Amino acid sequence: MGKAFLFGGFIAVVGQALIDMYSIWFHMNEAEAIRWMNGTLIVCAAIWTPTRLYRQFTQFAGAGMIVPMMSLANIWSASALEYRNEGAAEHMLSVGGSIIVTLVVASYVASLFL
């Protein structure tokens, strides 16, 4: 459990460092820097999946590696690799589609109360 906490915190620190870097180096406002940070972490997870690096991280860190945006990228790229000869797009959306629907419905319900 300690490794998961430390590794999840490390990902948060890396995310904040990316936000600061994008803000300072590229003169972005905070909202734009956050979008670029999210994109950077998603691309990293998508690149780490076929190299098996993401799996090694999750085996070491456990639940600390299950940051929603990174795990969604891992799910999509892993299913694309698994079904690349049978139509990757279908399987990517069938696996990640339920997650997206759940997030959209939860966001809508939360917006009703805020």
Protein backbone atom coordinates (compact mmCIF):
# COMPACT_ATOMS: atom_id res chain seq x y z
CA MET A 1 0.00 0.00 0.00
CA GLY A 2 2.88 2.37 0.69
CA LYS A 3 4.30 1.89 -2.80
CA ALA A 4 0.94 2.72 -4.36
CA PHE A 5 0.70 5.92 -2.30
CA LEU A 6 4.24 6.99 -3.16
CA PHE A 7 3.96 6.14 -6.84
CA GLY A 8 0.58 7.89 -7.19
CA GLY A 9 2.08 10.93 -5.46
CA PHE A 10 5.07 10.78 -7.78
CA ILE A 11 2.75 10.87 -10.80
CA ALA A 12 0.99 13.89 -9.29
CA VAL A 13 4.35 15.64 -8.78
CA VAL A 14 5.34 14.89 -12.38
CA GLY A 15 1.99 16.26 -13.54
CA GLN A 16 2.47 19.46 -11.57
CA ALA A 17 6.03 19.80 -12.90
CA LEU A 18 4.68 19.46 -16.45
CA ILE A 19 2.07 22.16 -15.77
CA ASP A 20 4.75 24.50 -14.42
CA MET A 21 7.07 23.71 -17.32
CA TYR A 22 4.39 24.40 -19.92
CA SER A 23 3.38 27.60 -18.14
CA ILE A 24 6.90 28.98 -17.86
CA TRP A 25 8.60 27.74 -21.02
CA PHE A 26 5.70 28.11 -23.44
CA HIS A 27 3.88 31.01 -21.70
CA MET A 28 0.58 29.12 -21.44
CA ASN A 29 -2.21 29.97 -19.05
CA GLU A 30 -3.04 27.38 -16.40
CA ALA A 31 -6.01 25.77 -18.20
CA GLU A 32 -4.01 25.30 -21.39
CA ALA A 33 -1.02 23.91 -19.47
CA ILE A 34 -3.30 21.40 -17.72
CA ARG A 35 -4.64 20.18 -21.06
CA TRP A 36 -1.10 19.72 -22.35
CA MET A 37 -0.10 17.89 -19.16
CA ASN A 38 -3.04 15.51 -19.57
CA GLY A 39 -2.11 14.90 -23.19
CA THR A 40 1.52 14.26 -22.26
CA LEU A 41 0.60 11.68 -19.62
CA ILE A 42 -1.86 9.97 -21.97
CA VAL A 43 0.73 9.75 -24.75
CA CYS A 44 3.30 8.39 -22.28
CA ALA A 45 0.87 5.68 -21.15
CA ALA A 46 0.05 4.80 -24.77
CA ILE A 47 3.75 4.52 -25.59
CA TRP A 48 4.57 2.54 -22.43
CA THR A 49 1.87 -0.08 -23.08
CA PRO A 50 3.39 -1.90 -26.10
CA THR A 51 6.84 -1.77 -24.51
CA ARG A 52 5.42 -3.54 -21.40
CA LEU A 53 6.77 -0.71 -19.26
CA TYR A 54 3.25 0.23 -18.08
CA ARG A 55 2.67 -3.34 -16.90
CA GLN A 56 5.94 -3.31 -14.97
CA PHE A 57 4.96 -0.02 -13.33
CA THR A 58 1.55 -1.39 -12.31
CA GLN A 59 3.07 -4.60 -10.95
CA PHE A 60 5.48 -2.57 -8.87
CA ALA A 61 3.18 0.28 -7.78
CA GLY A 62 -0.19 -1.49 -7.72
CA ALA A 63 -3.13 0.88 -7.47
CA GLY A 64 -0.88 3.95 -7.51
CA MET A 65 -0.53 3.58 -11.27
CA ILE A 66 -4.27 3.56 -11.88
CA VAL A 67 -4.64 7.25 -12.58
CA PRO A 68 -7.84 7.44 -14.66
CA MET A 69 -6.47 9.14 -17.75
CA MET A 70 -3.38 6.97 -17.90
CA SER A 71 -5.23 3.73 -17.28
CA LEU A 72 -7.78 4.57 -19.99
CA ALA A 73 -4.94 5.13 -22.47
CA ASN A 74 -3.44 1.82 -21.36
CA ILE A 75 -6.77 0.01 -21.85
CA TRP A 76 -7.24 1.43 -25.33
CA SER A 77 -3.72 0.82 -26.57
CA ALA A 78 -3.61 -2.70 -25.08
CA SER A 79 -6.88 -3.65 -26.76
CA ALA A 80 -5.68 -2.11 -30.03
CA LEU A 81 -2.55 -4.24 -29.87
CA GLU A 82 -4.50 -7.37 -28.98
CA TYR A 83 -7.06 -7.01 -31.77
CA ARG A 84 -4.94 -5.23 -34.40
CA ASN A 85 -5.79 -7.83 -37.08
CA GLU A 86 -9.52 -7.95 -36.32
CA GLY A 87 -10.40 -4.26 -36.23
CA ALA A 88 -8.75 -2.40 -33.41
CA ALA A 89 -11.18 0.54 -33.29
CA GLU A 90 -14.18 -1.67 -32.49
CA HIS A 91 -12.47 -3.33 -29.58
CA MET A 92 -10.97 -0.09 -28.26
CA LEU A 93 -14.40 1.47 -27.98
CA SER A 94 -16.07 -1.66 -26.63
CA VAL A 95 -13.55 -1.83 -23.78
CA GLY A 96 -13.26 1.88 -23.03
CA GLY A 97 -16.78 2.87 -24.08
CA SER A 98 -18.39 1.80 -20.83
CA ILE A 99 -15.86 3.91 -18.92
CA ILE A 100 -16.62 6.96 -21.05
CA VAL A 101 -20.39 6.53 -20.65
CA THR A 102 -20.00 6.19 -16.89
CA LEU A 103 -17.87 9.34 -16.71
CA VAL A 104 -20.30 11.36 -18.85
CA VAL A 105 -23.33 10.28 -16.80
CA ALA A 106 -21.52 10.92 -13.50
CA SER A 107 -20.43 14.37 -14.73
CA TYR A 108 -23.98 15.21 -15.73
CA VAL A 109 -25.41 14.10 -12.38
CA ALA A 110 -22.71 16.02 -10.51
CA SER A 111 -23.45 19.15 -12.53
CA LEU A 112 -27.09 19.01 -11.44
CA PHE A 113 -26.06 19.45 -7.82
CA LEU A 114 -23.29 22.03 -8.27
